[in-house]
C-alpha atoms as a PDB file:
ATOM      1  CA  MET A   1      -0.262  -0.239   0.184  1.00  0.00           C
ATOM      2  CA  ASN A   2       1.299   3.601  -1.125  1.00  0.00           C
ATOM      3  CA  GLY A   3       1.190   6.551   0.764  1.00  0.00           C
ATOM      4  CA  ARG A   4      -1.115   8.637  -1.804  1.00  0.00           C
ATOM      5  CA  THR A   5      -4.456   9.445  -0.986  1.00  0.00           C
ATOM      6  CA  ALA A   6      -7.501   8.603  -3.137  1.00  0.00           C
ATOM      7  CA  PRO A   7      -8.064  11.188  -5.789  1.00  0.00           C
ATOM      8  CA  GLY A   8     -11.321  13.377  -5.061  1.00  0.00           C
ATOM      9  CA  PHE A   9     -13.032  16.871  -4.907  1.00  0.00           C
ATOM     10  CA  THR A  10     -12.110  19.735  -2.692  1.00  0.00           C
ATOM     11  CA  LEU A  11     -14.558  21.633  -1.021  1.00  0.00           C
ATOM     12  CA  ILE A  12     -14.508  24.349  -3.839  1.00  0.00           C
ATOM     13  CA  GLU A  13     -14.889  22.217  -6.718  1.00  0.00           C
ATOM     14  CA  LEU A  14     -17.965  20.588  -4.998  1.00  0.00           C
ATOM     15  CA  VAL A  15     -19.392  24.337  -4.258  1.00  0.00           C
ATOM     16  CA  ILE A  16     -18.945  25.215  -8.480  1.00  0.00           C
ATOM     17  CA  ALA A  17     -20.527  22.061  -9.002  1.00  0.00           C
ATOM     18  CA  LEU A  18     -23.453  22.473  -6.938  1.00  0.00           C
ATOM     19  CA  ALA A  19     -23.641  26.286  -8.033  1.00  0.00           C
ATOM     20  CA  ILE A  20     -24.223  24.988 -11.552  1.00  0.00           C
ATOM     21  CA  ILE A  21     -26.718  22.618 -11.169  1.00  0.00           C
ATOM     22  CA  GLY A  22     -28.340  24.981  -9.326  1.00  0.00           C
ATOM     23  CA  LEU A  23     -28.154  27.183 -11.964  1.00  0.00           C
ATOM     24  CA  ILE A  24     -29.066  24.584 -14.884  1.00  0.00           C
ATOM     25  CA  SER A  25     -32.217  23.657 -12.589  1.00  0.00           C
ATOM     26  CA  LEU A  26     -33.840  27.598 -12.672  1.00  0.00           C
ATOM     27  CA  VAL A  27     -32.718  27.954 -16.042  1.00  0.00           C
ATOM     28  CA  LEU A  28     -35.140  24.455 -17.286  1.00  0.00           C
ATOM     29  CA  PHE A  29     -37.944  25.545 -14.570  1.00  0.00           C
ATOM     30  CA  SER A  30     -37.865  28.907 -15.671  1.00  0.00           C
ATOM     31  CA  GLY A  31     -38.303  27.384 -19.441  1.00  0.00           C
ATOM     32  CA  LEU A  32     -41.373  25.181 -18.299  1.00  0.00           C
ATOM     33  CA  ARG A  33     -42.792  27.764 -16.431  1.00  0.00           C
ATOM     34  CA  LEU A  34     -42.633  30.175 -19.305  1.00  0.00           C
ATOM     35  CA  GLY A  35     -43.644  27.145 -21.630  1.00  0.00           C
ATOM     36  CA  GLY A  36     -47.407  26.415 -19.338  1.00  0.00           C
ATOM     37  CA  ARG A  37     -48.113  30.251 -19.129  1.00  0.00           C
ATOM     38  CA  SER A  38     -47.859  30.246 -22.913  1.00  0.00           C
ATOM     39  CA  TRP A  39     -49.823  26.836 -23.302  1.00  0.00           C
ATOM     40  CA  GLU A  40     -52.692  28.471 -20.614  1.00  0.00           C
ATOM     41  CA  ALA A  41     -52.429  31.846 -22.838  1.00  0.00           C
ATOM     42  CA  VAL A  42     -52.943  29.873 -26.054  1.00  0.00           C
ATOM     43  CA  GLU A  43     -55.909  27.858 -24.727  1.00  0.00           C
ATOM     44  CA  THR A  44     -57.394  30.802 -23.594  1.00  0.00           C
ATOM     45  CA  VAL A  45     -57.338  32.628 -26.828  1.00  0.00           C
ATOM     46  CA  GLY A  46     -58.128  29.442 -28.272  1.00  0.00           C
ATOM     47  CA  GLU A  47     -61.366  29.075 -26.321  1.00  0.00           C
ATOM     48  CA  ARG A  48     -62.481  33.036 -26.798  1.00  0.00           C
ATOM     49  CA  LEU A  49     -62.104  32.065 -30.432  1.00  0.00           C
ATOM     50  CA  SER A  50     -63.886  28.740 -30.656  1.00  0.00           C
ATOM     51  CA  GLY A  51     -67.063  30.643 -29.088  1.00  0.00           C
ATOM     52  CA  LEU A  52     -67.493  32.889 -31.656  1.00  0.00           C
ATOM     53  CA  ARG A  53     -66.311  30.830 -34.825  1.00  0.00           C
ATOM     54  CA  LEU A  54     -68.946  28.262 -32.989  1.00  0.00           C
ATOM     55  CA  ALA A  55     -71.704  31.005 -32.805  1.00  0.00           C
ATOM     56  CA  ASP A  56     -70.705  32.413 -36.288  1.00  0.00           C
ATOM     57  CA  GLY A  57     -71.095  28.644 -37.912  1.00  0.00           C
ATOM     58  CA  PHE A  58     -74.237  28.382 -36.086  1.00  0.00           C
ATOM     59  CA  LEU A  59     -75.970  32.003 -37.274  1.00  0.00           C
ATOM     60  CA  ARG A  60     -74.640  31.581 -40.922  1.00  0.00           C
ATOM     61  CA  ARG A  61     -76.193  27.980 -40.990  1.00  0.00           C
ATOM     62  CA  LEU A  62     -79.679  29.096 -39.534  1.00  0.00           C
ATOM     63  CA  LEU A  63     -79.908  32.521 -41.120  1.00  0.00           C
ATOM     64  CA  GLY A  64     -78.797  30.712 -44.356  1.00  0.00           C
ATOM     65  CA  GLN A  65     -81.832  28.140 -43.846  1.00  0.00           C
ATOM     66  CA  THR A  66     -84.401  31.226 -43.647  1.00  0.00           C
ATOM     67  CA  ARG A  67     -87.967  30.136 -44.258  1.00  0.00           C
ATOM     68  CA  PRO A  68     -90.770  32.852 -45.440  1.00  0.00           C
ATOM     69  CA  ALA A  69     -93.720  31.323 -42.987  1.00  0.00           C
ATOM     70  CA  THR A  70     -96.567  32.877 -40.851  1.00  0.00           C
ATOM     71  CA  ALA A  71     -98.059  31.549 -37.961  1.00  0.00           C
ATOM     72  CA  VAL A  72    -101.477  32.907 -36.074  1.00  0.00           C
ATOM     73  CA  TYR A  73    -101.563  34.787 -32.855  1.00  0.00           C
ATOM     74  CA  GLU A  74    -104.660  36.013 -31.202  1.00  0.00           C
ATOM     75  CA  GLY A  75    -106.892  34.653 -34.507  1.00  0.00           C
ATOM     76  CA  GLN A  76    -105.032  36.818 -37.054  1.00  0.00           C
ATOM     77  CA  ILE A  77    -102.623  35.642 -39.711  1.00  0.00           C
ATOM     78  CA  VAL A  78     -99.001  36.888 -38.854  1.00  0.00           C
ATOM     79  CA  GLN A  79     -95.772  36.972 -40.538  1.00  0.00           C
ATOM     80  CA  VAL A  80     -93.032  35.642 -38.737  1.00  0.00           C
ATOM     81  CA  PHE A  81     -90.013  37.501 -39.686  1.00  0.00           C
ATOM     82  CA  ALA A  82     -89.049  40.452 -37.568  1.00  0.00           C
ATOM     83  CA  GLY A  83     -85.419  41.981 -37.382  1.00  0.00           C
ATOM     84  CA  GLU A  84     -84.509  45.269 -35.252  1.00  0.00           C
ATOM     85  CA  SER A  85     -80.988  46.306 -34.569  1.00  0.00           C
ATOM     86  CA  GLU A  86     -80.447  43.822 -31.650  1.00  0.00           C
ATOM     87  CA  ARG A  87     -83.130  41.370 -31.675  1.00  0.00           C
ATOM     88  CA  LEU A  88     -84.108  39.150 -34.735  1.00  0.00           C
ATOM     89  CA  GLU A  89     -87.275  36.343 -35.341  1.00  0.00           C
ATOM     90  CA  TRP A  90     -87.042  34.211 -37.812  1.00  0.00           C
ATOM     91  CA  VAL A  91     -88.309  30.385 -39.262  1.00  0.00           C
ATOM     92  CA  ALA A  92     -85.816  27.996 -40.058  1.00  0.00           C
ATOM     93  CA  PRO A  93     -85.436  23.993 -40.416  1.00  0.00           C
ATOM     94  CA  LEU A  94     -83.612  21.892 -37.204  1.00  0.00           C
ATOM     95  CA  SER A  95     -82.600  18.589 -37.233  1.00  0.00           C
ATOM     96  CA  GLU A  96     -83.418  15.871 -34.796  1.00  0.00           C
ATOM     97  CA  HIS A  97     -80.519  16.657 -32.546  1.00  0.00           C
ATOM     98  CA  VAL A  98     -82.940  18.965 -30.958  1.00  0.00           C
ATOM     99  CA  GLY A  99     -85.771  16.726 -29.899  1.00  0.00           C
ATOM    100  CA  LEU A 100     -88.088  16.977 -32.964  1.00  0.00           C
ATOM    101  CA  SER A 101     -87.108  17.776 -36.383  1.00  0.00           C
ATOM    102  CA  GLY A 102     -89.159  20.553 -38.500  1.00  0.00           C
ATOM    103  CA  LEU A 103     -89.770  24.549 -38.602  1.00  0.00           C
ATOM    104  CA  TYR A 104     -88.533  26.601 -35.937  1.00  0.00           C
ATOM    105  CA  ILE A 105     -89.783  29.864 -35.092  1.00  0.00           C
ATOM    106  CA  LEU A 106     -85.848  31.716 -33.577  1.00  0.00           C
ATOM    107  CA  ARG A 107     -85.355  34.878 -31.658  1.00  0.00           C
ATOM    108  CA  LEU A 108     -82.242  35.874 -31.251  1.00  0.00           C
ATOM    109  CA  GLN A 109     -81.558  38.236 -28.430  1.00  0.00           C
ATOM    110  CA  LEU A 110     -79.220  39.390 -25.821  1.00  0.00           C
ATOM    111  CA  GLU A 111     -80.046  38.814 -22.649  1.00  0.00           C
ATOM    112  CA  GLY A 112     -79.134  40.523 -19.080  1.00  0.00           C
ATOM    113  CA  ALA A 113     -77.745  43.582 -17.993  1.00  0.00           C
ATOM    114  CA  GLY A 114     -74.487  45.583 -18.182  1.00  0.00           C
ATOM    115  CA  GLU A 115     -72.026  45.856 -20.768  1.00  0.00           C
ATOM    116  CA  ALA A 116     -71.240  41.910 -20.777  1.00  0.00           C
ATOM    117  CA  ARG A 117     -74.390  39.967 -22.011  1.00  0.00           C
ATOM    118  CA  ASN A 118     -75.396  36.858 -23.114  1.00  0.00           C
ATOM    119  CA  LEU A 119     -76.301  35.888 -26.549  1.00  0.00           C
ATOM    120  CA  VAL A 120     -79.452  33.738 -26.648  1.00  0.00           C
ATOM    121  CA  LEU A 121     -81.431  31.788 -29.268  1.00  0.00           C
ATOM    122  CA  THR A 122     -85.280  30.911 -28.088  1.00  0.00           C
ATOM    123  CA  ARG A 123     -87.013  28.209 -30.518  1.00  0.00           C
ATOM    124  CA  TRP A 124     -90.409  27.388 -30.789  1.00  0.00           C
ATOM    125  CA  LEU A 125     -91.846  24.495 -32.587  1.00  0.00           C
ATOM    126  CA  LEU A 126     -94.236  25.840 -35.774  1.00  0.00           C
ATOM    127  CA  HIS A 127     -96.584  24.137 -34.383  1.00  0.00           C
ATOM    128  CA  PRO A 128    -100.229  25.402 -33.011  1.00  0.00           C
ATOM    129  CA  GLU A 129     -99.587  23.598 -29.717  1.00  0.00           C
ATOM    130  CA  ALA A 130     -96.305  24.368 -29.184  1.00  0.00           C
ATOM    131  CA  LEU A 131     -96.817  28.078 -30.067  1.00  0.00           C
ATOM    132  CA  GLU A 132     -99.808  28.318 -27.918  1.00  0.00           C
ATOM    133  CA  GLY A 133     -97.951  26.973 -24.963  1.00  0.00           C
ATOM    134  CA  ASN A 134     -99.192  25.395 -21.911  1.00  0.00           C
ATOM    135  CA  ASP A 135     -97.786  24.393 -18.479  1.00  0.00           C
ATOM    136  CA  ALA A 136     -94.546  23.234 -19.396  1.00  0.00           C
ATOM    137  CA  ILE A 137     -93.617  26.192 -22.149  1.00  0.00           C
ATOM    138  CA  PRO A 138     -94.400  29.826 -22.337  1.00  0.00           C
ATOM    139  CA  PRO A 139     -96.667  30.657 -25.348  1.00  0.00           C
ATOM    140  CA  TRP A 140     -95.142  32.422 -28.683  1.00  0.00           C
ATOM    141  CA  ILE A 141     -95.891  35.948 -28.649  1.00  0.00           C
ATOM    142  CA  PRO A 142     -94.647  37.921 -31.930  1.00  0.00           C
ATOM    143  CA  MET A 143     -91.494  39.633 -31.371  1.00  0.00           C
ATOM    144  CA  THR A 144     -93.142  43.037 -32.373  1.00  0.00           C
ATOM    145  CA  GLU A 145     -96.194  42.508 -30.049  1.00  0.00           C
ATOM    146  CA  GLN A 146     -94.388  42.630 -26.752  1.00  0.00           C
ATOM    147  CA  ASP A 147     -91.633  43.624 -24.843  1.00  0.00           C
ATOM    148  CA  GLU A 148     -92.680  42.035 -21.333  1.00  0.00           C
ATOM    149  CA  GLY A 149     -92.608  38.862 -22.999  1.00  0.00           C
ATOM    150  CA  ALA A 150     -88.870  39.253 -23.358  1.00  0.00           C
ATOM    151  CA  GLY A 151     -88.524  39.569 -19.629  1.00  0.00           C
ATOM    152  CA  ALA A 152     -90.356  36.667 -19.100  1.00  0.00           C
ATOM    153  CA  LEU A 153     -88.135  34.780 -21.530  1.00  0.00           C
ATOM    154  CA  SER A 154     -84.974  35.823 -19.775  1.00  0.00           C
ATOM    155  CA  ALA A 155     -86.253  34.750 -16.735  1.00  0.00           C
ATOM    156  CA  LEU A 156     -86.107  30.948 -17.771  1.00  0.00           C
ATOM    157  CA  ALA A 157     -83.028  29.212 -17.467  1.00  0.00           C
ATOM    158  CA  SER A 158     -80.663  28.591 -20.873  1.00  0.00           C
ATOM    159  CA  ASP A 159     -79.827  25.386 -22.349  1.00  0.00           C
ATOM    160  CA  LEU A 160     -82.627  24.602 -21.570  1.00  0.00           C
ATOM    161  CA  ASP A 161     -85.490  22.095 -23.505  1.00  0.00           C
ATOM    162  CA  LEU A 162     -89.013  21.393 -23.161  1.00  0.00           C
ATOM    163  CA  ALA A 163     -91.775  19.607 -24.324  1.00  0.00           C
ATOM    164  CA  GLU A 164     -89.747  17.137 -26.134  1.00  0.00           C
ATOM    165  CA  GLY A 165     -87.708  20.111 -27.468  1.00  0.00           C
ATOM    166  CA  ALA A 166     -90.624  21.812 -28.765  1.00  0.00           C
ATOM    167  CA  PHE A 167     -89.686  24.363 -27.184  1.00  0.00           C
ATOM    168  CA  GLY A 168     -86.112  25.519 -25.859  1.00  0.00           C
ATOM    169  CA  ARG A 169     -83.392  27.879 -25.106  1.00  0.00           C
ATOM    170  CA  THR A 170     -79.568  27.817 -25.955  1.00  0.00           C
ATOM    171  CA  LEU A 171     -76.677  30.169 -24.492  1.00  0.00           C
ATOM    172  CA  LEU A 172     -74.684  31.002 -28.040  1.00  0.00           C
ATOM    173  CA  LEU A 173     -72.160  33.456 -26.546  1.00  0.00           C
ATOM    174  CA  LYS A 174     -71.252  34.732 -22.884  1.00  0.00           C
ATOM    175  CA  ASP A 175     -70.083  38.024 -22.352  1.00  0.00           C
ATOM    176  CA  VAL A 176     -71.305  39.869 -25.618  1.00  0.00           C
ATOM    177  CA  SER A 177     -70.328  43.409 -25.645  1.00  0.00           C
ATOM    178  CA  ARG A 178     -71.357  44.199 -28.801  1.00  0.00           C
ATOM    179  CA  PHE A 179     -74.256  43.043 -30.873  1.00  0.00           C
ATOM    180  CA  GLU A 180     -75.872  45.042 -34.260  1.00  0.00           C
ATOM    181  CA  LEU A 181     -78.156  43.926 -36.604  1.00  0.00           C
ATOM    182  CA  ALA A 182     -78.500  45.382 -40.406  1.00  0.00           C
ATOM    183  CA  TYR A 183     -80.939  44.341 -43.161  1.00  0.00           C
ATOM    184  CA  TYR A 184     -80.212  44.637 -46.655  1.00  0.00           C
ATOM    185  CA  GLY A 185     -82.794  44.502 -49.228  1.00  0.00           C
ATOM    186  CA  LEU A 186     -86.009  46.308 -50.986  1.00  0.00           C
ATOM    187  CA  ALA A 187     -87.988  47.761 -48.518  1.00  0.00           C
ATOM    188  CA  ASP A 188     -91.618  48.520 -48.881  1.00  0.00           C
ATOM    189  CA  GLY A 189     -91.731  51.826 -50.839  1.00  0.00           C
ATOM    190  CA  ASP A 190     -88.022  52.495 -51.336  1.00  0.00           C
ATOM    191  CA  SER A 191     -87.139  53.009 -55.218  1.00  0.00           C
ATOM    192  CA  GLY A 192     -83.663  50.435 -54.363  1.00  0.00           C
ATOM    193  CA  PRO A 193     -82.244  48.161 -51.594  1.00  0.00           C
ATOM    194  CA  ASP A 194     -80.105  49.917 -48.876  1.00  0.00           C
ATOM    195  CA  TRP A 195     -79.067  48.781 -45.483  1.00  0.00           C
ATOM    196  CA  HIS A 196     -81.677  48.810 -42.827  1.00  0.00           C
ATOM    197  CA  ASP A 197     -81.673  48.909 -38.378  1.00  0.00           C
ATOM    198  CA  ASP A 198     -84.949  47.036 -38.920  1.00  0.00           C
ATOM    199  CA  TRP A 199     -86.828  44.790 -40.951  1.00  0.00           C
ATOM    200  CA  GLN A 200     -90.628  44.821 -39.749  1.00  0.00           C
ATOM    201  CA  GLY A 201     -93.941  44.592 -41.592  1.00  0.00           C
ATOM    202  CA  GLN A 202     -92.536  44.153 -44.810  1.00  0.00           C
ATOM    203  CA  THR A 203     -93.966  42.579 -47.561  1.00  0.00           C
ATOM    204  CA  GLN A 204     -91.065  40.062 -48.450  1.00  0.00           C
ATOM    205  CA  LEU A 205     -87.540  39.145 -46.312  1.00  0.00           C
ATOM    206  CA  PRO A 206     -84.064  41.304 -46.819  1.00  0.00           C
ATOM    207  CA  ASN A 207     -81.559  39.675 -49.529  1.00  0.00           C
ATOM    208  CA  LEU A 208     -78.834  40.127 -46.641  1.00  0.00           C
ATOM    209  CA  ILE A 209     -78.165  40.749 -42.998  1.00  0.00           C
ATOM    210  CA  ARG A 210     -75.113  41.975 -41.300  1.00  0.00           C
ATOM    211  CA  ILE A 211     -74.118  41.059 -37.772  1.00  0.00           C
ATOM    212  CA  ARG A 212     -71.049  42.951 -35.856  1.00  0.00           C
ATOM    213  CA  LEU A 213     -70.225  40.448 -32.553  1.00  0.00           C
ATOM    214  CA  GLU A 214     -68.071  41.071 -30.295  1.00  0.00           C
ATOM    215  CA  THR A 215     -67.380  39.605 -26.851  1.00  0.00           C
ATOM    216  CA  THR A 216     -65.513  41.858 -23.644  1.00  0.00           C
ATOM    217  CA  GLU A 217     -62.369  39.895 -24.758  1.00  0.00           C
ATOM    218  CA  GLN A 218     -62.020  39.352 -28.408  1.00  0.00           C
ATOM    219  CA  SER A 219     -63.612  40.970 -31.801  1.00  0.00           C
ATOM    220  CA  TRP A 220     -65.030  39.573 -35.004  1.00  0.00           C
ATOM    221  CA  PRO A 221     -65.319  40.432 -38.387  1.00  0.00           C
ATOM    222  CA  ASP A 222     -68.625  40.854 -39.744  1.00  0.00           C
ATOM    223  CA  LEU A 223     -70.924  38.021 -40.573  1.00  0.00           C
ATOM    224  CA  VAL A 224     -72.988  38.956 -43.451  1.00  0.00           C
ATOM    225  CA  VAL A 225     -75.399  36.089 -44.360  1.00  0.00           C
ATOM    226  CA  ALA A 226     -77.611  36.135 -47.909  1.00  0.00           C
ATOM    227  CA  LEU A 227     -80.869  34.614 -47.167  1.00  0.00           C
ATOM    228  CA  PRO A 228     -82.220  31.965 -49.589  1.00  0.00           C
ATOM    229  CA  ASP A 229     -84.160  33.780 -52.895  1.00  0.00           C
ATOM    230  CA  GLN A 230     -87.594  34.011 -52.285  1.00  0.00           C
ATOM    231  CA  PRO A 231     -90.577  32.370 -54.715  1.00  0.00           C
END
């Protein structure tokens, strides 16, 4: 056995090594933390865009299938279509996923108070029994005939289906800060087609409907939908 000591590390070398390991760990942790925040930000933006995109596609599809239709209200035949700057009522078909397939009266409007409101779609099956209402569902009142009815509807829960889907309410988009409707077409008495803030009591439907839609955190390009050609 010789007198040489076994090779090893000095205290200074251990301190330097630990400092380097700590620095590398700090850099790795910071990178993981930054990556996590970036992923959360991407998910947040994705959720915002997803909500607007779904509302955009859903409204585009429903408005693109608008049908001229009438319904009986208090013994009178009335045209269902009515458009205001922040409310719209029209008729379009819905498939079996809502419960009952067929034509529905659809009402689109903002509900709630303040700058951030909810965009809600209410629907009635275009059938006398559904329109008259019963203990389970509220009666249909033409949008142009009532204001109190709108408040009564807003008191009902959204994402609600009653009478096997003959009546329902769907929350399309939350925290809406801007919702504006405009209608392009030849209004009665006009010499040519133009944009209008409302479309009520007209003998024909508009050619185009423009929707401006923004949430408290995201804007979206104007949605312009061409309605089907009328007979």
